Each structure stands twice: as C-alpha cells, then as structure tokens.
C-alpha cells in the first residue's frame, strides 16, 4: 500500500495569520504567496517569495490552517518538511523558514545552503 503524500511545507499560526491578511487585502480569491528558492548569496541559495494572482501550472499547493501557499515546482524538494513562521521583533517583521534540508547559512542570514530531500520523501500521489 503506497504511503500518503506528505505535505511539502507547514505554517505556524503566525505565518498563516500573515498570509491570510495579505491574501484578503488583495481581494482576489486566487491570489496567494509563492515560495521558492534560487541560486545566489554567499552560501549558495536564497529563499524567494512573491505575491501572485494565481498559481502557475506546476506549483505545489499547500493548504494549512485555512490558507494556501504555492510552492514553485523547482523548489519542492528543497522545502520538503519546512515550517514557515512569521516573526515580529523590535526592528523587523519577516517570514522565517525552519528547513530540515538546510546544511548551513551565511553570517548575514540572507542565504543558505540546501540539500534536496530524496524524491521518495514526497510519497505517492
């Protein structure tokens, strides 16, 4: 019997509340936040986030705590098992990724090194 498909990413309550506020402000039921990764920074990779009007054809759709986040198909294996949080402190407010695939980070905190999860970790569709 095949294993159930694992959700690629989960959100904390704070992240879900922030995503909800952003999407409600857009006034478009299909709008959402797309998360990805790209090559760059001193550690080799950076997280990307963009507000979109609707998902791309191959985006992974994550539904958690009543909100949807889209994951760029090229980033799914890098983000598998990640928890997305939203942190507010005295000087900033930002999304933070607690990623088990992260192997290191640069000193400035803007870039990371990631190893993709094994494709088997996605489970059966």
C-alpha atoms as a PDB file:
ATOM      1  CA  UNK A   1       0.000   0.000   0.000  1.00  0.00           C
ATOM      2  CA  UNK A   2       1.519   3.372  -1.005  1.00  0.00           C
ATOM      3  CA  UNK A   3       2.270   5.940   1.660  1.00  0.00           C
ATOM      4  CA  UNK A   4       0.085   9.057   1.714  1.00  0.00           C
ATOM      5  CA  UNK A   5       1.575  12.120   0.055  1.00  0.00           C
ATOM      6  CA  UNK A   6       3.485  14.278   2.540  1.00  0.00           C
ATOM      7  CA  UNK A   7       2.596  17.957   2.703  1.00  0.00           C
ATOM      8  CA  UNK A   8       5.634  19.830   1.419  1.00  0.00           C
ATOM      9  CA  UNK A   9       5.517  22.628   3.976  1.00  0.00           C
ATOM     10  CA  UNK A  10       3.522  23.645   7.044  1.00  0.00           C
ATOM     11  CA  UNK A  11       2.811  27.038   8.553  1.00  0.00           C
ATOM     12  CA  UNK A  12       2.830  28.282  12.115  1.00  0.00           C
ATOM     13  CA  UNK A  13      -0.238  30.151  13.355  1.00  0.00           C
ATOM     14  CA  UNK A  14       1.624  33.465  12.951  1.00  0.00           C
ATOM     15  CA  UNK A  15       2.565  32.683   9.329  1.00  0.00           C
ATOM     16  CA  UNK A  16      -0.987  31.604   8.491  1.00  0.00           C
ATOM     17  CA  UNK A  17      -2.403  34.809  10.001  1.00  0.00           C
ATOM     18  CA  UNK A  18       0.006  36.954   7.947  1.00  0.00           C
ATOM     19  CA  UNK A  19      -0.686  35.044   4.706  1.00  0.00           C
ATOM     20  CA  UNK A  20      -4.436  35.395   5.373  1.00  0.00           C
ATOM     21  CA  UNK A  21      -4.091  39.156   5.876  1.00  0.00           C
ATOM     22  CA  UNK A  22      -2.090  39.525   2.653  1.00  0.00           C
ATOM     23  CA  UNK A  23      -4.467  37.488   0.523  1.00  0.00           C
ATOM     24  CA  UNK A  24      -7.609  39.125   1.934  1.00  0.00           C
ATOM     25  CA  UNK A  25      -6.147  42.558   1.198  1.00  0.00           C
ATOM     26  CA  UNK A  26      -5.645  41.522  -2.443  1.00  0.00           C
ATOM     27  CA  UNK A  27      -9.383  40.997  -2.957  1.00  0.00           C
ATOM     28  CA  UNK A  28      -8.730  38.071  -5.311  1.00  0.00           C
ATOM     29  CA  UNK A  29      -9.663  34.567  -4.150  1.00  0.00           C
ATOM     30  CA  UNK A  30      -6.963  33.026  -6.380  1.00  0.00           C
ATOM     31  CA  UNK A  31      -4.184  35.342  -5.166  1.00  0.00           C
ATOM     32  CA  UNK A  32      -1.517  33.999  -2.895  1.00  0.00           C
ATOM     33  CA  UNK A  33       2.074  33.783  -1.830  1.00  0.00           C
ATOM     34  CA  UNK A  34       4.534  31.718  -3.888  1.00  0.00           C
ATOM     35  CA  UNK A  35       7.642  30.424  -2.140  1.00  0.00           C
ATOM     36  CA  UNK A  36      10.723  29.192  -3.952  1.00  0.00           C
ATOM     37  CA  UNK A  37      14.491  29.075  -3.885  1.00  0.00           C
ATOM     38  CA  UNK A  38      17.105  30.421  -6.280  1.00  0.00           C
ATOM     39  CA  UNK A  39      20.867  30.324  -6.620  1.00  0.00           C
ATOM     40  CA  UNK A  40      22.505  33.305  -5.003  1.00  0.00           C
ATOM     41  CA  UNK A  41      24.067  34.793  -1.918  1.00  0.00           C
ATOM     42  CA  UNK A  42      27.315  33.825  -0.269  1.00  0.00           C
ATOM     43  CA  UNK A  43      26.022  30.420   0.941  1.00  0.00           C
ATOM     44  CA  UNK A  44      24.687  29.422  -2.493  1.00  0.00           C
ATOM     45  CA  UNK A  45      20.884  29.734  -2.320  1.00  0.00           C
ATOM     46  CA  UNK A  46      18.201  32.182  -1.240  1.00  0.00           C
ATOM     47  CA  UNK A  47      14.516  31.852  -0.466  1.00  0.00           C
ATOM     48  CA  UNK A  48      12.191  33.721  -2.799  1.00  0.00           C
ATOM     49  CA  UNK A  49       8.698  34.971  -2.065  1.00  0.00           C
ATOM     50  CA  UNK A  50       6.327  36.739  -4.388  1.00  0.00           C
ATOM     51  CA  UNK A  51       2.690  37.706  -4.294  1.00  0.00           C
ATOM     52  CA  UNK A  52       0.862  36.220  -7.285  1.00  0.00           C
ATOM     53  CA  UNK A  53      -2.607  36.492  -8.820  1.00  0.00           C
ATOM     54  CA  UNK A  54      -2.920  32.702  -9.097  1.00  0.00           C
ATOM     55  CA  UNK A  55      -0.821  29.536  -9.148  1.00  0.00           C
ATOM     56  CA  UNK A  56       1.404  28.552 -12.049  1.00  0.00           C
ATOM     57  CA  UNK A  57       0.629  25.287 -13.827  1.00  0.00           C
ATOM     58  CA  UNK A  58       3.003  23.090 -11.805  1.00  0.00           C
ATOM     59  CA  UNK A  59       3.008  24.895  -8.445  1.00  0.00           C
ATOM     60  CA  UNK A  60       2.576  22.693  -5.380  1.00  0.00           C
ATOM     61  CA  UNK A  61      -0.406  23.954  -3.389  1.00  0.00           C
ATOM     62  CA  UNK A  62      -0.039  23.805   0.382  1.00  0.00           C
ATOM     63  CA  UNK A  63      -3.208  24.263   2.401  1.00  0.00           C
ATOM     64  CA  UNK A  64      -2.624  24.707   6.124  1.00  0.00           C
ATOM     65  CA  UNK A  65      -4.571  26.455   8.885  1.00  0.00           C
ATOM     66  CA  UNK A  66      -7.140  27.781   6.420  1.00  0.00           C
ATOM     67  CA  UNK A  67      -4.722  29.432   3.971  1.00  0.00           C
ATOM     68  CA  UNK A  68      -2.974  28.437   0.752  1.00  0.00           C
ATOM     69  CA  UNK A  69       0.675  28.920  -0.140  1.00  0.00           C
ATOM     70  CA  UNK A  70       2.079  27.995  -3.539  1.00  0.00           C
ATOM     71  CA  UNK A  71       5.490  26.379  -3.897  1.00  0.00           C
ATOM     72  CA  UNK A  72       7.447  26.736  -7.106  1.00  0.00           C
ATOM     73  CA  UNK A  73       7.737  23.217  -8.554  1.00  0.00           C
ATOM     74  CA  UNK A  74      11.538  23.551  -8.796  1.00  0.00           C
ATOM     75  CA  UNK A  75      11.743  24.218  -5.045  1.00  0.00           C
ATOM     76  CA  UNK A  76       9.587  21.400  -3.632  1.00  0.00           C
ATOM     77  CA  UNK A  77      12.452  19.008  -2.831  1.00  0.00           C
ATOM     78  CA  UNK A  78      14.393  21.835  -1.151  1.00  0.00           C
ATOM     79  CA  UNK A  79      11.413  22.834   1.008  1.00  0.00           C
ATOM     80  CA  UNK A  80      10.066  19.399   1.938  1.00  0.00           C
ATOM     81  CA  UNK A  81       9.467  19.295   5.696  1.00  0.00           C
ATOM     82  CA  UNK A  82       9.914  23.049   6.148  1.00  0.00           C
ATOM     83  CA  UNK A  83       7.965  25.069   8.699  1.00  0.00           C
ATOM     84  CA  UNK A  84       7.233  28.645   7.642  1.00  0.00           C
ATOM     85  CA  UNK A  85       6.916  31.126  10.500  1.00  0.00           C
ATOM     86  CA  UNK A  86       6.285  34.874  10.726  1.00  0.00           C
ATOM     87  CA  UNK A  87       8.408  36.681  13.291  1.00  0.00           C
ATOM     88  CA  UNK A  88       7.936  40.229  14.560  1.00  0.00           C
ATOM     89  CA  UNK A  89      10.572  41.901  16.728  1.00  0.00           C
ATOM     90  CA  UNK A  90      11.540  45.480  17.578  1.00  0.00           C
ATOM     91  CA  UNK A  91      13.368  46.118  14.305  1.00  0.00           C
ATOM     92  CA  UNK A  92      11.626  43.949  11.702  1.00  0.00           C
ATOM     93  CA  UNK A  93       8.849  41.613  10.681  1.00  0.00           C
ATOM     94  CA  UNK A  94       9.635  38.730   8.324  1.00  0.00           C
ATOM     95  CA  UNK A  95       8.851  35.221   7.246  1.00  0.00           C
ATOM     96  CA  UNK A  96      11.340  32.667   8.591  1.00  0.00           C
ATOM     97  CA  UNK A  97      11.906  29.155   7.277  1.00  0.00           C
ATOM     98  CA  UNK A  98      12.824  26.309   9.632  1.00  0.00           C
ATOM     99  CA  UNK A  99      14.104  23.909   6.993  1.00  0.00           C
ATOM    100  CA  UNK A 100      15.476  20.416   7.754  1.00  0.00           C
ATOM    101  CA  UNK A 101      17.214  20.446   4.338  1.00  0.00           C
ATOM    102  CA  UNK A 102      19.388  23.435   5.281  1.00  0.00           C
ATOM    103  CA  UNK A 103      23.006  22.424   5.750  1.00  0.00           C
ATOM    104  CA  UNK A 104      24.465  25.873   6.530  1.00  0.00           C
ATOM    105  CA  UNK A 105      23.799  29.607   6.364  1.00  0.00           C
ATOM    106  CA  UNK A 106      25.877  32.705   5.796  1.00  0.00           C
ATOM    107  CA  UNK A 107      26.665  35.139   8.570  1.00  0.00           C
ATOM    108  CA  UNK A 108      24.318  37.824   7.225  1.00  0.00           C
ATOM    109  CA  UNK A 109      21.352  35.437   7.383  1.00  0.00           C
ATOM    110  CA  UNK A 110      20.238  36.130   3.825  1.00  0.00           C
ATOM    111  CA  UNK A 111      21.450  32.988   2.091  1.00  0.00           C
ATOM    112  CA  UNK A 112      21.559  29.293   2.891  1.00  0.00           C
ATOM    113  CA  UNK A 113      22.948  26.023   1.627  1.00  0.00           C
ATOM    114  CA  UNK A 114      20.307  23.374   0.932  1.00  0.00           C
ATOM    115  CA  UNK A 115      20.375  19.711   0.043  1.00  0.00           C
ATOM    116  CA  UNK A 116      17.250  18.455  -1.710  1.00  0.00           C
ATOM    117  CA  UNK A 117      15.179  15.789   0.031  1.00  0.00           C
ATOM    118  CA  UNK A 118      15.044  12.388  -1.630  1.00  0.00           C
ATOM    119  CA  UNK A 119      12.163  12.189  -4.160  1.00  0.00           C
ATOM    120  CA  UNK A 120      10.783   9.186  -2.240  1.00  0.00           C
ATOM    121  CA  UNK A 121      10.031  11.546   0.643  1.00  0.00           C
ATOM    122  CA  UNK A 122       7.168  13.018  -1.390  1.00  0.00           C
ATOM    123  CA  UNK A 123       5.255   9.744  -1.078  1.00  0.00           C
ATOM    124  CA  UNK A 124       2.667   8.506  -3.507  1.00  0.00           C
ATOM    125  CA  UNK A 125       0.210  10.860  -5.189  1.00  0.00           C
END
